[in-house]
Amino acid sequence: MPMAEMVGQELPQRLHLFFVLCVAFILGVLVTYAEPAISALRPLAELVDPYSAPYLYFVMNCQQELMVLAIGLGVGVAAVIGTLRFIKNWPLKPLIYMTLAPTVGLACYMQWGNPNLAPLIGLSWDCGAVTTGPVTVPVLLALGIGVMQSSRKRRLAQAALEGTVAAGAGQALEGFGIVTLASLWPILAVELMSIIDGAIYDADYVTERALEQYNSTSDPNPVDEPPLSGVVYGIRSIMPLVVVLFFIILVVLRKPLPECKIWVEAARMPEDSSIRGGTANIERASVAISKLNRTASESSFEDTEANKSCDGSPRSPTLPDGQLSEVEPKKKPFILKRAIPADHFGLRHPVGDPKSTDE
């Protein structure tokens, strides 16, 4: 997947559009042969009854390689259309409608126009699901996302030069949608192959070839026996795709191979100067705060030692007037219990006092 994404990002910047489309077509065909689900068609072909469905048996047994090639051509055309969509900024829905309409129309013809081809409808639509496997989906998605990122950067640069904002230039999710096309075009390709077979070969010839293939007995090949068959088919299917990707990256693009890992690492924050400066400021502030705390603790300890008396008991701290110390006991307020004559203080009775009137 990283190699396909690198091809999608770098190839439109290095080569002409025609060569980019050729590479996308070749990758679409090769990922079909590398798909493990394609190998599941081989044992299923032997379960078809040649008497009830001669055309289906003929296509799956006598024309098996041609059928796989048709599926690969469909995926290649889908990759080309998807790449053009990313570069030209085409909408996705009209492309789906224009692909789905002939697909449904050909299925209707196979059902009612030529009933002998009716058993091939299910095979055609199943081939669309076969192509969405663990090889086709990651490679095509990575290719589409890479091409989309490259075209988006080009549109943003052009918009910056023109002083405008490109419409849809920031929509990164436009890279998706190529898998839908890769599912529809193989269906259309297999339906076209079935209709061409029905037009070229008549029912008698197809039935004769199907029965001949069904009744033929041949010595089993050791290569076709498991587990050797799985190893041979796996290497034969995956090696062309790997060789082509290596050739494009190392020879055409002249880039080193991307680092591929089998595990996913946690995302790390980018280390820039602002982050490093902020970290340094925080460290300096923490050191200053710790120094202030240490100084405050030492000064409080010295004050405590200075307030102790000779016998070790704490002295009463000096407080402002009107405040009481926590160590000194609280004194009771002075209460006047008997009256003191006013003459004692050299005061006279006020005017109107009853005592002064009597005198």
Protein backbone atom coordinates (compact mmCIF):
# COMPACT_ATOMS: atom_id res chain seq x y z
CA MET A 1 0.00 0.00 0.00
CA PRO A 2 2.79 2.57 0.67
CA MET A 3 4.34 1.74 -2.72
CA ALA A 4 1.05 2.26 -4.57
CA GLU A 5 0.49 5.55 -2.73
CA MET A 6 3.98 6.73 -3.67
CA VAL A 7 3.32 5.81 -7.30
CA GLY A 8 0.06 7.74 -7.23
CA GLN A 9 1.74 10.83 -5.72
CA GLU A 10 4.92 10.97 -7.78
CA LEU A 11 3.92 9.54 -11.15
CA PRO A 12 1.63 12.40 -12.31
CA GLN A 13 4.45 14.87 -11.56
CA ARG A 14 7.05 12.93 -13.57
CA LEU A 15 5.24 11.48 -16.61
CA HIS A 16 2.67 12.56 -19.15
CA LEU A 17 -0.98 11.78 -18.53
CA PHE A 18 -1.00 9.00 -21.15
CA PHE A 19 1.78 7.08 -19.39
CA VAL A 20 0.11 7.60 -16.02
CA LEU A 21 -3.08 6.04 -17.38
CA CYS A 22 -1.08 3.13 -18.85
CA VAL A 23 0.51 2.44 -15.47
CA ALA A 24 -2.89 2.59 -13.75
CA PHE A 25 -4.29 0.12 -16.30
CA ILE A 26 -1.39 -2.31 -15.84
CA LEU A 27 -1.69 -2.16 -12.05
CA GLY A 28 -5.43 -2.79 -12.32
CA VAL A 29 -4.85 -5.94 -14.36
CA LEU A 30 -2.04 -7.23 -12.13
CA VAL A 31 -3.93 -6.77 -8.86
CA THR A 32 -6.68 -8.97 -10.32
CA TYR A 33 -4.27 -11.83 -10.90
CA ALA A 34 -2.81 -11.30 -7.41
CA GLU A 35 -6.25 -11.45 -5.79
CA PRO A 36 -6.62 -14.64 -3.68
CA ALA A 37 -10.36 -14.82 -4.35
CA ILE A 38 -9.71 -15.45 -8.06
CA SER A 39 -8.18 -18.80 -7.19
CA ALA A 40 -11.49 -19.79 -5.59
CA LEU A 41 -13.07 -19.91 -9.05
CA ARG A 42 -10.95 -22.91 -10.01
CA PRO A 43 -12.46 -25.48 -7.60
CA LEU A 44 -15.95 -23.99 -8.08
CA ALA A 45 -15.73 -24.57 -11.82
CA GLU A 46 -15.67 -28.33 -11.29
CA LEU A 47 -19.00 -28.25 -9.44
CA VAL A 48 -20.97 -26.92 -12.43
CA ASP A 49 -23.23 -29.40 -14.22
CA PRO A 50 -22.49 -29.29 -17.98
CA TYR A 51 -25.93 -30.70 -18.85
CA SER A 52 -27.99 -28.00 -17.11
CA ALA A 53 -25.66 -25.02 -17.72
CA PRO A 54 -23.35 -25.74 -20.67
CA TYR A 55 -22.37 -22.10 -21.24
CA LEU A 56 -21.47 -21.64 -17.59
CA TYR A 57 -19.36 -24.79 -17.60
CA PHE A 58 -17.73 -23.76 -20.88
CA VAL A 59 -16.76 -20.32 -19.59
CA MET A 60 -15.52 -21.47 -16.17
CA ASN A 61 -13.54 -24.48 -17.40
CA CYS A 62 -12.63 -24.04 -21.05
CA GLN A 63 -12.23 -20.26 -20.94
CA GLN A 64 -11.11 -19.77 -17.36
CA GLU A 65 -7.97 -17.78 -18.22
CA LEU A 66 -9.95 -15.63 -20.63
CA MET A 67 -12.52 -14.94 -17.91
CA VAL A 68 -9.80 -13.88 -15.45
CA LEU A 69 -8.32 -11.66 -18.17
CA ALA A 70 -11.73 -10.07 -18.74
CA ILE A 71 -12.03 -9.37 -15.01
CA GLY A 72 -8.54 -7.85 -15.01
CA LEU A 73 -9.37 -5.69 -18.03
CA GLY A 74 -12.46 -4.45 -16.22
CA VAL A 75 -10.43 -3.50 -13.15
CA GLY A 76 -7.82 -1.83 -15.37
CA VAL A 77 -10.45 0.28 -17.12
CA ALA A 78 -11.89 1.20 -13.72
CA ALA A 79 -8.42 2.28 -12.53
CA VAL A 80 -7.99 4.44 -15.64
CA ILE A 81 -11.39 6.10 -15.22
CA GLY A 82 -10.76 6.63 -11.53
CA THR A 83 -7.39 8.22 -12.23
CA LEU A 84 -8.93 10.51 -14.84
CA ARG A 85 -11.61 11.44 -12.35
CA PHE A 86 -9.01 12.47 -9.76
CA ILE A 87 -6.95 14.47 -12.25
CA LYS A 88 -9.87 16.12 -14.06
CA ASN A 89 -11.95 16.52 -10.90
CA TRP A 90 -14.96 14.66 -12.32
CA PRO A 91 -17.96 13.90 -10.06
CA LEU A 92 -18.45 10.30 -8.98
CA LYS A 93 -22.23 9.83 -9.28
CA PRO A 94 -22.50 10.33 -13.08
CA LEU A 95 -19.70 7.80 -13.59
CA ILE A 96 -21.54 5.24 -11.46
CA TYR A 97 -24.82 5.85 -13.30
CA MET A 98 -23.16 5.56 -16.72
CA THR A 99 -21.51 2.29 -15.69
CA LEU A 100 -24.47 0.77 -13.91
CA ALA A 101 -27.00 1.44 -16.70
CA PRO A 102 -25.32 -0.74 -19.38
CA THR A 103 -24.53 -3.38 -16.76
CA VAL A 104 -28.20 -3.77 -15.88
CA GLY A 105 -29.18 -3.57 -19.57
CA LEU A 106 -26.83 -6.42 -20.53
CA ALA A 107 -28.11 -8.51 -17.62
CA CYS A 108 -31.68 -8.04 -18.89
CA TYR A 109 -30.59 -9.13 -22.37
CA MET A 110 -28.90 -12.23 -20.97
CA GLN A 111 -32.05 -13.13 -19.05
CA TRP A 112 -34.66 -12.61 -21.76
CA GLY A 113 -32.77 -12.06 -25.02
CA ASN A 114 -30.68 -15.24 -24.87
CA PRO A 115 -31.90 -17.64 -22.14
CA ASN A 116 -28.83 -19.85 -22.61
CA LEU A 117 -26.73 -17.09 -21.05
CA ALA A 118 -28.97 -16.71 -17.99
CA PRO A 119 -26.73 -18.86 -15.73
CA LEU A 120 -23.84 -16.49 -16.46
CA ILE A 121 -25.60 -13.52 -14.83
CA GLY A 122 -24.79 -14.72 -11.33
CA LEU A 123 -21.17 -15.39 -12.32
CA SER A 124 -20.84 -11.89 -13.77
CA TRP A 125 -22.13 -10.16 -10.67
CA ASP A 126 -20.06 -12.38 -8.37
CA CYS A 127 -16.94 -11.35 -10.26
CA GLY A 128 -17.60 -7.81 -9.09
CA ALA A 129 -17.36 -8.97 -5.49
CA VAL A 130 -14.28 -11.08 -6.20
CA THR A 131 -12.29 -8.00 -7.20
CA THR A 132 -12.86 -6.24 -3.85
CA GLY A 133 -10.40 -8.38 -1.92
CA PRO A 134 -7.36 -7.84 0.31
CA VAL A 135 -5.07 -7.00 -2.64
CA THR A 136 -7.22 -4.95 -5.01
CA VAL A 137 -8.80 -2.66 -2.41
CA PRO A 138 -5.58 -1.48 -0.64
CA VAL A 139 -3.64 -1.01 -3.89
CA LEU A 140 -6.39 0.85 -5.74
CA LEU A 141 -7.28 2.96 -2.69
CA ALA A 142 -3.64 3.91 -2.16
CA LEU A 143 -3.25 4.69 -5.86
CA GLY A 144 -6.39 6.83 -5.85
CA ILE A 145 -5.45 8.70 -2.67
CA GLY A 146 -1.94 9.35 -3.99
CA VAL A 147 -3.20 10.71 -7.31
CA MET A 148 -5.79 12.79 -5.48
CA GLN A 149 -3.17 14.34 -3.19
CA SER A 150 -0.96 15.17 -6.17
CA SER A 151 -3.79 16.79 -8.13
CA ARG A 152 -4.97 18.66 -5.04
CA LYS A 153 -1.51 20.17 -4.49
CA ARG A 154 -1.43 21.24 -8.13
CA ARG A 155 -4.87 22.88 -7.89
CA LEU A 156 -3.92 24.66 -4.67
CA ALA A 157 -0.72 25.96 -6.24
CA GLN A 158 -2.61 27.18 -9.29
CA ALA A 159 -5.25 28.81 -7.09
CA ALA A 160 -2.52 30.52 -5.06
CA LEU A 161 -1.00 31.94 -8.24
CA GLU A 162 -4.36 33.17 -9.44
CA GLY A 163 -5.25 34.59 -6.04
CA THR A 164 -8.42 32.51 -5.75
CA VAL A 165 -9.58 29.44 -3.85
CA ALA A 166 -9.96 26.27 -5.89
CA ALA A 167 -13.33 24.62 -5.49
CA GLY A 168 -13.02 21.27 -3.74
CA ALA A 169 -9.27 21.63 -3.41
CA GLY A 170 -9.29 20.65 0.25
CA GLN A 171 -11.52 17.61 0.04
CA ALA A 172 -9.14 14.76 0.79
CA LEU A 173 -11.94 12.16 0.79
CA GLU A 174 -12.32 12.49 -2.99
CA GLY A 175 -9.66 9.80 -3.27
CA PHE A 176 -12.31 7.22 -2.44
CA GLY A 177 -14.78 5.84 -4.97
CA ILE A 178 -12.38 3.96 -7.20
CA VAL A 179 -13.31 0.66 -5.53
CA THR A 180 -16.93 1.13 -6.62
CA LEU A 181 -15.82 1.48 -10.22
CA ALA A 182 -13.53 -1.52 -9.79
CA SER A 183 -16.59 -3.55 -8.76
CA LEU A 184 -18.85 -2.48 -11.64
CA TRP A 185 -16.51 -2.70 -14.61
CA PRO A 186 -15.58 -6.40 -14.11
CA ILE A 187 -19.31 -7.21 -14.12
CA LEU A 188 -19.68 -5.38 -17.41
CA ALA A 189 -16.58 -7.10 -18.83
CA VAL A 190 -17.77 -10.63 -17.99
CA GLU A 191 -21.23 -9.88 -19.36
CA LEU A 192 -19.71 -8.65 -22.61
CA MET A 193 -17.54 -11.77 -22.84
CA SER A 194 -20.59 -14.00 -22.26
CA ILE A 195 -22.63 -12.21 -24.92
CA ILE A 196 -19.72 -12.46 -27.39
CA ASP A 197 -19.42 -16.21 -26.66
CA GLY A 198 -23.16 -16.58 -27.22
CA ALA A 199 -22.87 -14.79 -30.56
CA ILE A 200 -19.81 -16.74 -31.75
CA TYR A 201 -20.51 -20.26 -30.45
CA ASP A 202 -23.87 -21.93 -30.84
CA ALA A 203 -25.48 -24.06 -28.15
CA ASP A 204 -24.54 -27.41 -29.80
CA TYR A 205 -20.85 -26.57 -30.01
CA VAL A 206 -20.74 -25.30 -26.43
CA THR A 207 -22.51 -28.40 -25.13
CA GLU A 208 -20.14 -30.69 -27.04
CA ARG A 209 -17.05 -28.94 -25.72
CA ALA A 210 -18.43 -28.90 -22.17
CA LEU A 211 -19.17 -32.65 -22.21
CA GLU A 212 -15.77 -33.38 -23.73
CA GLN A 213 -14.07 -31.42 -20.97
CA TYR A 214 -16.26 -33.05 -18.34
CA ASN A 215 -15.56 -36.65 -19.50
CA SER A 216 -11.87 -36.17 -20.16
CA THR A 217 -9.49 -37.88 -17.75
CA SER A 218 -5.88 -36.83 -17.41
CA ASP A 219 -3.07 -37.70 -15.04
CA PRO A 220 -2.95 -35.27 -12.11
CA ASN A 221 -0.09 -32.81 -12.18
CA PRO A 222 1.92 -32.68 -8.93
CA VAL A 223 1.96 -28.91 -9.20
CA ASP A 224 -1.84 -28.82 -9.05
CA GLU A 225 -1.96 -30.82 -5.82
CA PRO A 226 -1.97 -29.03 -2.45
CA PRO A 227 0.02 -27.72 -0.67
CA LEU A 228 2.42 -27.14 -3.57
CA SER A 229 -0.33 -25.67 -5.73
CA GLY A 230 -1.00 -22.87 -3.25
CA VAL A 231 2.65 -21.87 -3.11
CA VAL A 232 3.09 -21.96 -6.89
CA TYR A 233 -0.11 -20.05 -7.63
CA GLY A 234 0.65 -17.49 -4.92
CA ILE A 235 4.14 -16.74 -6.24
CA ARG A 236 2.96 -16.69 -9.83
CA SER A 237 0.14 -14.26 -9.05
CA ILE A 238 1.85 -11.83 -6.67
CA MET A 239 5.31 -11.60 -8.23
CA PRO A 240 4.31 -9.64 -11.38
CA LEU A 241 2.65 -6.93 -9.26
CA VAL A 242 5.65 -6.63 -6.92
CA VAL A 243 8.13 -6.53 -9.83
CA VAL A 244 6.17 -3.79 -11.61
CA LEU A 245 5.91 -1.67 -8.45
CA PHE A 246 9.64 -2.07 -7.77
CA PHE A 247 10.46 -1.14 -11.36
CA ILE A 248 8.28 1.99 -11.30
CA ILE A 249 9.69 3.24 -7.98
CA LEU A 250 13.36 2.39 -8.48
CA VAL A 251 13.76 2.95 -12.24
CA VAL A 252 11.05 5.35 -13.37
CA LEU A 253 10.70 7.52 -10.27
CA ARG A 254 14.26 6.89 -9.00
CA LYS A 255 13.08 6.95 -5.40
CA PRO A 256 14.02 4.69 -2.49
CA LEU A 257 11.49 2.12 -1.45
CA PRO A 258 9.11 3.34 1.26
CA GLU A 259 9.50 1.92 4.72
CA CYS A 260 6.90 -0.82 5.18
CA LYS A 261 6.08 -2.26 8.60
CA ILE A 262 3.71 -4.98 9.71
CA TRP A 263 2.67 -2.99 12.79
CA VAL A 264 1.16 0.43 13.28
CA GLU A 265 3.05 2.97 15.36
CA ALA A 266 1.38 5.59 17.50
CA ALA A 267 1.25 9.04 15.99
CA ARG A 268 3.82 11.46 17.35
CA MET A 269 3.55 15.21 17.59
CA PRO A 270 5.90 17.09 15.27
CA GLU A 271 8.89 18.58 17.04
CA ASP A 272 9.32 22.16 15.89
CA SER A 273 11.10 25.13 17.40
CA SER A 274 7.99 26.49 19.07
CA ILE A 275 7.32 23.24 20.89
CA ARG A 276 10.94 22.90 21.96
CA GLY A 277 10.96 26.56 23.14
CA GLY A 278 7.74 26.05 25.08
CA THR A 279 9.15 22.96 26.75
CA ALA A 280 12.29 24.85 27.75
CA ASN A 281 10.25 27.70 29.19
CA ILE A 282 8.16 25.29 31.23
CA GLU A 283 11.30 23.62 32.56
CA ARG A 284 12.82 26.97 33.54
CA ALA A 285 9.60 28.05 35.25
CA SER A 286 9.44 24.80 37.22
CA VAL A 287 13.05 25.24 38.37
CA ALA A 288 12.34 28.81 39.47
CA ILE A 289 9.22 27.73 41.38
CA SER A 290 11.15 24.98 43.15
CA LYS A 291 13.83 27.48 44.17
CA LEU A 292 11.22 29.87 45.55
CA ASN A 293 9.61 27.06 47.51
CA ARG A 294 12.98 26.02 48.93
CA THR A 295 13.79 29.59 49.95
CA ALA A 296 10.39 30.05 51.60
CA SER A 297 10.76 26.81 53.54
CA GLU A 298 14.24 27.79 54.76
CA SER A 299 13.07 31.26 55.88
CA SER A 300 10.09 29.79 57.74
CA PHE A 301 12.43 27.36 59.49
CA GLU A 302 14.76 30.21 60.58
CA ASP A 303 11.80 32.24 61.91
CA THR A 304 10.63 29.26 63.91
CA GLU A 305 14.08 28.76 65.45
CA ALA A 306 14.37 32.47 66.31
CA ASN A 307 10.99 32.52 68.08
CA LYS A 308 11.95 29.74 70.45
CA SER A 309 12.91 30.73 74.02
CA CYS A 310 15.82 29.44 76.01
CA ASP A 311 13.89 26.50 77.44
CA GLY A 312 12.67 25.52 73.98
CA SER A 313 9.11 26.81 74.35
CA PRO A 314 7.87 29.06 71.58
CA ARG A 315 7.82 32.76 72.25
CA SER A 316 4.74 34.80 71.75
CA PRO A 317 5.06 36.53 68.43
CA THR A 318 4.98 40.30 68.24
CA LEU A 319 1.66 41.33 66.81
CA PRO A 320 0.17 44.73 65.99
CA ASP A 321 -1.95 46.57 68.53
CA GLY A 322 -5.40 45.17 69.08
CA GLN A 323 -4.47 41.58 68.10
CA LEU A 324 -3.96 38.66 70.46
CA SER A 325 -1.40 35.95 70.15
CA GLU A 326 -2.47 32.33 69.82
CA VAL A 327 0.08 31.34 72.51
CA GLU A 328 -0.86 34.09 74.99
CA PRO A 329 -4.10 33.32 76.84
CA LYS A 330 -7.02 35.55 76.08
CA LYS A 331 -7.64 38.15 78.87
CA LYS A 332 -11.08 38.85 80.24
CA PRO A 333 -12.43 42.34 79.62
CA PHE A 334 -12.60 44.78 82.57
CA ILE A 335 -16.14 45.11 83.95
CA LEU A 336 -17.16 48.02 86.25
CA LYS A 337 -19.18 46.57 89.12
CA ARG A 338 -19.93 49.71 91.28
CA ALA A 339 -20.64 53.24 90.33
CA ILE A 340 -17.95 55.85 90.67
CA PRO A 341 -19.08 59.39 91.43
CA ALA A 342 -18.60 61.89 88.69
CA ASP A 343 -16.78 64.28 91.10
CA HIS A 344 -14.02 61.74 91.32
CA PHE A 345 -13.11 62.58 87.77
CA GLY A 346 -13.72 66.36 88.26
CA LEU A 347 -16.96 66.35 86.30
CA ARG A 348 -20.11 68.32 87.01
CA HIS A 349 -23.68 67.28 86.73
CA PRO A 350 -25.27 68.37 83.54
CA VAL A 351 -27.88 71.10 83.53
CA GLY A 352 -31.33 69.80 84.22
CA ASP A 353 -30.12 66.96 86.37
CA PRO A 354 -32.53 66.31 89.27
CA LYS A 355 -29.66 66.22 91.77
CA SER A 356 -28.42 69.67 90.82
CA THR A 357 -31.96 71.04 91.12
CA ASP A 358 -32.31 69.77 94.65
CA GLU A 359 -29.06 71.38 95.62
